[in-house]
PDB file of N, CA and C in Angstrom:
ATOM      1  N   UNK A   1      79.033-125.904 -25.976  1.00  0.00           N
ATOM      2  CA  UNK A   1      78.833-127.299 -26.303  1.00  0.00           C
ATOM      3  C   UNK A   1      80.124-127.984 -26.736  1.00  0.00           C
ATOM      4  N   UNK A   2      81.159-127.227 -26.871  1.00  0.00           N
ATOM      5  CA  UNK A   2      82.423-127.813 -27.336  1.00  0.00           C
ATOM      6  C   UNK A   2      82.914-128.888 -26.382  1.00  0.00           C
ATOM      7  N   UNK A   3      82.795-128.635 -25.061  1.00  0.00           N
ATOM      8  CA  UNK A   3      83.253-129.612 -24.096  1.00  0.00           C
ATOM      9  C   UNK A   3      82.471-130.912 -24.229  1.00  0.00           C
ATOM     10  N   UNK A   4      81.155-130.832 -24.406  1.00  0.00           N
ATOM     11  CA  UNK A   4      80.340-132.028 -24.551  1.00  0.00           C
ATOM     12  C   UNK A   4      80.728-132.802 -25.799  1.00  0.00           C
ATOM     13  N   UNK A   5      80.994-132.095 -26.873  1.00  0.00           N
ATOM     14  CA  UNK A   5      81.413-132.755 -28.112  1.00  0.00           C
ATOM     15  C   UNK A   5      82.724-133.483 -27.889  1.00  0.00           C
ATOM     16  N   UNK A   6      83.673-132.823 -27.220  1.00  0.00           N
ATOM     17  CA  UNK A   6      84.943-133.471 -26.925  1.00  0.00           C
ATOM     18  C   UNK A   6      84.745-134.668 -26.008  1.00  0.00           C
ATOM     19  N   UNK A   7      83.879-134.527 -25.034  1.00  0.00           N
ATOM     20  CA  UNK A   7      83.603-135.618 -24.116  1.00  0.00           C
ATOM     21  C   UNK A   7      83.047-136.820 -24.868  1.00  0.00           C
ATOM     22  N   UNK A   8      82.102-136.580 -25.765  1.00  0.00           N
ATOM     23  CA  UNK A   8      81.529-137.659 -26.565  1.00  0.00           C
ATOM     24  C   UNK A   8      82.589-138.281 -27.467  1.00  0.00           C
ATOM     25  N   UNK A   9      83.367-137.439 -28.114  1.00  0.00           N
ATOM     26  CA  UNK A   9      84.424-137.960 -28.982  1.00  0.00           C
ATOM     27  C   UNK A   9      85.419-138.796 -28.186  1.00  0.00           C
ATOM     28  N   UNK A  10      85.775-138.314 -27.003  1.00  0.00           N
ATOM     29  CA  UNK A  10      86.693-139.065 -26.139  1.00  0.00           C
ATOM     30  C   UNK A  10      86.082-140.408 -25.738  1.00  0.00           C
ATOM     31  N   UNK A  11      84.818-140.383 -25.369  1.00  0.00           N
ATOM     32  CA  UNK A  11      84.151-141.621 -24.958  1.00  0.00           C
ATOM     33  C   UNK A  11      84.085-142.610 -26.118  1.00  0.00           C
ATOM     34  N   UNK A  12      83.767-142.115 -27.309  1.00  0.00           N
ATOM     35  CA  UNK A  12      83.658-142.998 -28.462  1.00  0.00           C
ATOM     36  C   UNK A  12      85.008-143.538 -28.926  1.00  0.00           C
ATOM     37  N   UNK A  13      86.072-142.888 -28.517  1.00  0.00           N
ATOM     38  CA  UNK A  13      87.402-143.367 -28.920  1.00  0.00           C
ATOM     39  C   UNK A  13      87.948-144.430 -27.967  1.00  0.00           C
ATOM     40  N   UNK A  14      87.263-144.667 -26.866  1.00  0.00           N
ATOM     41  CA  UNK A  14      87.699-145.692 -25.916  1.00  0.00           C
ATOM     42  C   UNK A  14      87.552-147.082 -26.526  1.00  0.00           C
ATOM     43  N   UNK A  15      88.359-148.037 -26.066  1.00  0.00           N
ATOM     44  CA  UNK A  15      88.164-149.423 -26.504  1.00  0.00           C
ATOM     45  C   UNK A  15      86.784-149.914 -26.042  1.00  0.00           C
ATOM     46  N   UNK A  16      86.229-150.855 -26.753  1.00  0.00           N
ATOM     47  CA  UNK A  16      84.871-151.332 -26.472  1.00  0.00           C
ATOM     48  C   UNK A  16      84.666-151.732 -25.017  1.00  0.00           C
ATOM     49  N   UNK A  17      85.556-152.509 -24.392  1.00  0.00           N
ATOM     50  CA  UNK A  17      85.308-152.872 -22.985  1.00  0.00           C
ATOM     51  C   UNK A  17      85.190-151.647 -22.072  1.00  0.00           C
ATOM     52  N   UNK A  18      85.992-150.615 -22.329  1.00  0.00           N
ATOM     53  CA  UNK A  18      85.914-149.398 -21.513  1.00  0.00           C
ATOM     54  C   UNK A  18      84.642-148.610 -21.807  1.00  0.00           C
ATOM     55  N   UNK A  19      84.194-148.604 -23.075  1.00  0.00           N
ATOM     56  CA  UNK A  19      82.928-147.927 -23.407  1.00  0.00           C
ATOM     57  C   UNK A  19      81.763-148.631 -22.736  1.00  0.00           C
ATOM     58  N   UNK A  20      81.811-149.970 -22.708  1.00  0.00           N
ATOM     59  CA  UNK A  20      80.746-150.726 -22.035  1.00  0.00           C
ATOM     60  C   UNK A  20      80.720-150.379 -20.554  1.00  0.00           C
ATOM     61  N   UNK A  21      81.889-150.344 -19.930  1.00  0.00           N
ATOM     62  CA  UNK A  21      81.970-150.001 -18.504  1.00  0.00           C
ATOM     63  C   UNK A  21      81.449-148.586 -18.268  1.00  0.00           C
ATOM     64  N   UNK A  22      81.841-147.645 -19.116  1.00  0.00           N
ATOM     65  CA  UNK A  22      81.376-146.265 -18.988  1.00  0.00           C
ATOM     66  C   UNK A  22      79.859-146.180 -19.149  1.00  0.00           C
ATOM     67  N   UNK A  23      79.330-146.853 -20.155  1.00  0.00           N
ATOM     68  CA  UNK A  23      77.883-146.840 -20.385  1.00  0.00           C
ATOM     69  C   UNK A  23      77.146-147.426 -19.184  1.00  0.00           C
ATOM     70  N   UNK A  24      77.680-148.501 -18.631  1.00  0.00           N
ATOM     71  CA  UNK A  24      77.060-149.125 -17.461  1.00  0.00           C
ATOM     72  C   UNK A  24      77.080-148.177 -16.268  1.00  0.00           C
ATOM     73  N   UNK A  25      78.194-147.509 -16.051  1.00  0.00           N
ATOM     74  CA  UNK A  25      78.282-146.570 -14.939  1.00  0.00           C
ATOM     75  C   UNK A  25      77.326-145.390 -15.122  1.00  0.00           C
ATOM     76  N   UNK A  26      77.214-144.893 -16.343  1.00  0.00           N
ATOM     77  CA  UNK A  26      76.270-143.802 -16.609  1.00  0.00           C
ATOM     78  C   UNK A  26      74.843-144.280 -16.374  1.00  0.00           C
ATOM     79  N   UNK A  27      74.518-145.468 -16.881  1.00  0.00           N
ATOM     80  CA  UNK A  27      73.168-146.011 -16.691  1.00  0.00           C
ATOM     81  C   UNK A  27      72.863-146.163 -15.205  1.00  0.00           C
ATOM     82  N   UNK A  28      73.799-146.718 -14.453  1.00  0.00           N
ATOM     83  CA  UNK A  28      73.572-146.909 -13.011  1.00  0.00           C
ATOM     84  C   UNK A  28      73.370-145.574 -12.301  1.00  0.00           C
ATOM     85  N   UNK A  29      74.087-144.537 -12.724  1.00  0.00           N
ATOM     86  CA  UNK A  29      73.918-143.231 -12.085  1.00  0.00           C
ATOM     87  C   UNK A  29      72.542-142.651 -12.395  1.00  0.00           C
ATOM     88  N   UNK A  30      72.066-142.867 -13.609  1.00  0.00           N
ATOM     89  CA  UNK A  30      70.724-142.399 -13.980  1.00  0.00           C
ATOM     90  C   UNK A  30      69.676-143.168 -13.197  1.00  0.00           C
ATOM     91  N   UNK A  31      69.851-144.491 -13.126  1.00  0.00           N
ATOM     92  CA  UNK A  31      68.916-145.332 -12.384  1.00  0.00           C
ATOM     93  C   UNK A  31      68.847-144.883 -10.924  1.00  0.00           C
ATOM     94  N   UNK A  32      69.997-144.602 -10.322  1.00  0.00           N
ATOM     95  CA  UNK A  32      70.025-144.149  -8.925  1.00  0.00           C
ATOM     96  C   UNK A  32      69.340-142.803  -8.778  1.00  0.00           C
ATOM     97  N   UNK A  33      69.612-141.876  -9.700  1.00  0.00           N
ATOM     98  CA  UNK A  33      68.966-140.562  -9.644  1.00  0.00           C
ATOM     99  C   UNK A  33      67.451-140.693  -9.783  1.00  0.00           C
ATOM    100  N   UNK A  34      67.020-141.597 -10.663  1.00  0.00           N
ATOM    101  CA  UNK A  34      65.580-141.805 -10.849  1.00  0.00           C
ATOM    102  C   UNK A  34      64.960-142.347  -9.560  1.00  0.00           C
ATOM    103  N   UNK A  35      65.633-143.304  -8.934  1.00  0.00           N
ATOM    104  CA  UNK A  35      65.126-143.865  -7.682  1.00  0.00           C
ATOM    105  C   UNK A  35      65.103-142.831  -6.576  1.00  0.00           C
ATOM    106  N   UNK A  36      66.090-141.939  -6.558  1.00  0.00           N
ATOM    107  CA  UNK A  36      66.131-140.902  -5.537  1.00  0.00           C
ATOM    108  C   UNK A  36      64.982-139.918  -5.686  1.00  0.00           C
ATOM    109  N   UNK A  37      64.466-139.749  -6.919  1.00  0.00           N
ATOM    110  CA  UNK A  37      63.393-138.782  -7.141  1.00  0.00           C
ATOM    111  C   UNK A  37      62.004-139.370  -6.895  1.00  0.00           C
ATOM    112  N   UNK A  38      61.938-140.674  -6.647  1.00  0.00           N
ATOM    113  CA  UNK A  38      60.654-141.330  -6.372  1.00  0.00           C
ATOM    114  C   UNK A  38      60.438-141.331  -4.867  1.00  0.00           C
ATOM    115  N   UNK A  39      59.255-140.922  -4.442  1.00  0.00           N
ATOM    116  CA  UNK A  39      58.978-140.882  -3.003  1.00  0.00           C
ATOM    117  C   UNK A  39      58.989-142.309  -2.443  1.00  0.00           C
ATOM    118  N   UNK A  40      59.313-142.464  -1.168  1.00  0.00           N
ATOM    119  CA  UNK A  40      59.316-143.795  -0.558  1.00  0.00           C
ATOM    120  C   UNK A  40      57.955-144.485  -0.653  1.00  0.00           C
ATOM    121  N   UNK A  41      56.881-143.706  -0.568  1.00  0.00           N
ATOM    122  CA  UNK A  41      55.543-144.281  -0.661  1.00  0.00           C
ATOM    123  C   UNK A  41      55.286-144.853  -2.060  1.00  0.00           C
ATOM    124  N   UNK A  42      55.662-144.068  -3.068  1.00  0.00           N
ATOM    125  CA  UNK A  42      55.469-144.526  -4.447  1.00  0.00           C
ATOM    126  C   UNK A  42      56.340-145.739  -4.728  1.00  0.00           C
ATOM    127  N   UNK A  43      57.574-145.724  -4.266  1.00  0.00           N
ATOM    128  CA  UNK A  43      58.466-146.855  -4.462  1.00  0.00           C
ATOM    129  C   UNK A  43      57.902-148.104  -3.793  1.00  0.00           C
ATOM    130  N   UNK A  44      57.352-147.961  -2.590  1.00  0.00           N
ATOM    131  CA  UNK A  44      56.747-149.102  -1.890  1.00  0.00           C
ATOM    132  C   UNK A  44      55.569-149.669  -2.683  1.00  0.00           C
ATOM    133  N   UNK A  45      54.728-148.779  -3.245  1.00  0.00           N
ATOM    134  CA  UNK A  45      53.602-149.239  -4.068  1.00  0.00           C
ATOM    135  C   UNK A  45      54.103-149.990  -5.296  1.00  0.00           C
ATOM    136  N   UNK A  46      55.148-149.453  -5.943  1.00  0.00           N
ATOM    137  CA  UNK A  46      55.691-150.095  -7.140  1.00  0.00           C
ATOM    138  C   UNK A  46      56.251-151.479  -6.802  1.00  0.00           C
ATOM    139  N   UNK A  47      56.973-151.573  -5.692  1.00  0.00           N
ATOM    140  CA  UNK A  47      57.535-152.853  -5.284  1.00  0.00           C
ATOM    141  C   UNK A  47      56.436-153.845  -4.935  1.00  0.00           C
ATOM    142  N   UNK A  48      55.372-153.368  -4.281  1.00  0.00           N
ATOM    143  CA  UNK A  48      54.245-154.238  -3.927  1.00  0.00           C
ATOM    144  C   UNK A  48      53.558-154.758  -5.196  1.00  0.00           C
ATOM    145  N   UNK A  49      53.328-153.877  -6.152  1.00  0.00           N
ATOM    146  CA  UNK A  49      52.688-154.290  -7.407  1.00  0.00           C
ATOM    147  C   UNK A  49      53.572-155.253  -8.180  1.00  0.00           C
ATOM    148  N   UNK A  50      54.877-155.020  -8.156  1.00  0.00           N
ATOM    149  CA  UNK A  50      55.806-155.929  -8.827  1.00  0.00           C
ATOM    150  C   UNK A  50      55.767-157.303  -8.176  1.00  0.00           C
ATOM    151  N   UNK A  51      55.746-157.338  -6.850  1.00  0.00           N
ATOM    152  CA  UNK A  51      55.668-158.618  -6.131  1.00  0.00           C
ATOM    153  C   UNK A  51      54.361-159.335  -6.446  1.00  0.00           C
ATOM    154  N   UNK A  52      53.255-158.581  -6.503  1.00  0.00           N
ATOM    155  CA  UNK A  52      51.966-159.184  -6.869  1.00  0.00           C
ATOM    156  C   UNK A  52      52.036-159.801  -8.258  1.00  0.00           C
ATOM    157  N   UNK A  53      52.639-159.078  -9.184  1.00  0.00           N
ATOM    158  CA  UNK A  53      52.740-159.581 -10.550  1.00  0.00           C
ATOM    159  C   UNK A  53      53.647-160.807 -10.618  1.00  0.00           C
ATOM    160  N   UNK A  54      54.757-160.788  -9.894  1.00  0.00           N
ATOM    161  CA  UNK A  54      55.659-161.941  -9.872  1.00  0.00           C
ATOM    162  C   UNK A  54      54.938-163.172  -9.322  1.00  0.00           C
ATOM    163  N   UNK A  55      54.091-162.972  -8.315  1.00  0.00           N
ATOM    164  CA  UNK A  55      53.363-164.076  -7.705  1.00  0.00           C
ATOM    165  C   UNK A  55      52.266-164.615  -8.623  1.00  0.00           C
ATOM    166  N   UNK A  56      51.711-163.736  -9.457  1.00  0.00           N
ATOM    167  CA  UNK A  56      50.618-164.138 -10.340  1.00  0.00           C
ATOM    168  C   UNK A  56      50.729-163.393 -11.668  1.00  0.00           C
ATOM    169  N   UNK A  57      51.651-163.821 -12.543  1.00  0.00           N
ATOM    170  CA  UNK A  57      51.908-163.094 -13.789  1.00  0.00           C
ATOM    171  C   UNK A  57      50.691-162.946 -14.702  1.00  0.00           C
ATOM    172  N   UNK A  58      49.768-163.878 -14.652  1.00  0.00           N
ATOM    173  CA  UNK A  58      48.606-163.805 -15.545  1.00  0.00           C
ATOM    174  C   UNK A  58      47.534-162.857 -15.042  1.00  0.00           C
ATOM    175  N   UNK A  59      47.771-162.235 -13.879  1.00  0.00           N
ATOM    176  CA  UNK A  59      46.774-161.323 -13.331  1.00  0.00           C
ATOM    177  C   UNK A  59      46.795-159.960 -14.021  1.00  0.00           C
ATOM    178  N   UNK A  60      47.833-159.696 -14.788  1.00  0.00           N
ATOM    179  CA  UNK A  60      47.943-158.412 -15.485  1.00  0.00           C
ATOM    180  C   UNK A  60      47.151-158.405 -16.778  1.00  0.00           C
ATOM    181  N   UNK A  61      47.367-157.362 -17.565  1.00  0.00           N
ATOM    182  CA  UNK A  61      46.703-157.272 -18.859  1.00  0.00           C
ATOM    183  C   UNK A  61      47.725-156.839 -19.905  1.00  0.00           C
ATOM    184  N   UNK A  62      47.361-156.994 -21.149  1.00  0.00           N
ATOM    185  CA  UNK A  62      48.248-156.583 -22.231  1.00  0.00           C
ATOM    186  C   UNK A  62      48.182-155.062 -22.381  1.00  0.00           C
ATOM    187  N   UNK A  63      49.134-154.510 -23.083  1.00  0.00           N
ATOM    188  CA  UNK A  63      49.141-153.068 -23.324  1.00  0.00           C
ATOM    189  C   UNK A  63      47.902-152.662 -24.127  1.00  0.00           C
ATOM    190  N   UNK A  64      47.481-153.537 -25.025  1.00  0.00           N
ATOM    191  CA  UNK A  64      46.287-153.242 -25.821  1.00  0.00           C
ATOM    192  C   UNK A  64      45.048-153.172 -24.931  1.00  0.00           C
ATOM    193  N   UNK A  65      44.942-154.093 -23.971  1.00  0.00           N
ATOM    194  CA  UNK A  65      43.803-154.070 -23.047  1.00  0.00           C
ATOM    195  C   UNK A  65      43.843-152.818 -22.174  1.00  0.00           C
ATOM    196  N   UNK A  66      45.020-152.453 -21.732  1.00  0.00           N
ATOM    197  CA  UNK A  66      45.161-151.253 -20.913  1.00  0.00           C
ATOM    198  C   UNK A  66      44.771-150.002 -21.697  1.00  0.00           C
ATOM    199  N   UNK A  67      45.253-149.896 -22.934  1.00  0.00           N
ATOM    200  CA  UNK A  67      44.894-148.742 -23.763  1.00  0.00           C
ATOM    201  C   UNK A  67      43.390-148.669 -23.967  1.00  0.00           C
ATOM    202  N   UNK A  68      42.766-149.818 -24.210  1.00  0.00           N
ATOM    203  CA  UNK A  68      41.317-149.836 -24.414  1.00  0.00           C
ATOM    204  C   UNK A  68      40.602-149.340 -23.161  1.00  0.00           C
ATOM    205  N   UNK A  69      41.052-149.794 -21.988  1.00  0.00           N
ATOM    206  CA  UNK A  69      40.448-149.343 -20.728  1.00  0.00           C
ATOM    207  C   UNK A  69      40.637-147.843 -20.537  1.00  0.00           C
ATOM    208  N   UNK A  70      41.834-147.350 -20.815  1.00  0.00           N
ATOM    209  CA  UNK A  70      42.124-145.940 -20.601  1.00  0.00           C
ATOM    210  C   UNK A  70      41.381-145.030 -21.567  1.00  0.00           C
ATOM    211  N   UNK A  71      41.325-145.434 -22.836  1.00  0.00           N
ATOM    212  CA  UNK A  71      40.710-144.562 -23.844  1.00  0.00           C
ATOM    213  C   UNK A  71      39.195-144.655 -23.878  1.00  0.00           C
ATOM    214  N   UNK A  72      38.641-145.670 -23.245  1.00  0.00           N
ATOM    215  CA  UNK A  72      37.195-145.795 -23.193  1.00  0.00           C
ATOM    216  C   UNK A  72      36.592-145.186 -21.932  1.00  0.00           C
ATOM    217  N   UNK A  73      37.432-144.602 -21.079  1.00  0.00           N
ATOM    218  CA  UNK A  73      36.940-143.933 -19.886  1.00  0.00           C
ATOM    219  C   UNK A  73      36.263-142.630 -20.260  1.00  0.00           C
ATOM    220  N   UNK A  74      35.274-142.261 -19.470  1.00  0.00           N
ATOM    221  CA  UNK A  74      34.617-140.968 -19.686  1.00  0.00           C
ATOM    222  C   UNK A  74      34.471-140.222 -18.419  1.00  0.00           C
TER     223      UNK A  74
END
């Protein structure tokens, strides 16, 4: 773990603009890896549902309503 500790220490010692750039690049790499692990079918469904929601934002439900629906199932 020594290398990771040094890596973190090195990253934290960077000037703020460089840390922001590094954080953004790390985030983008994670986002890309996450997208790569999602099947094309699942991604298409997610995009379709997102488009439906964008077209009609009030068609969704609150997290509380969703929890109630999920926990009241038998």
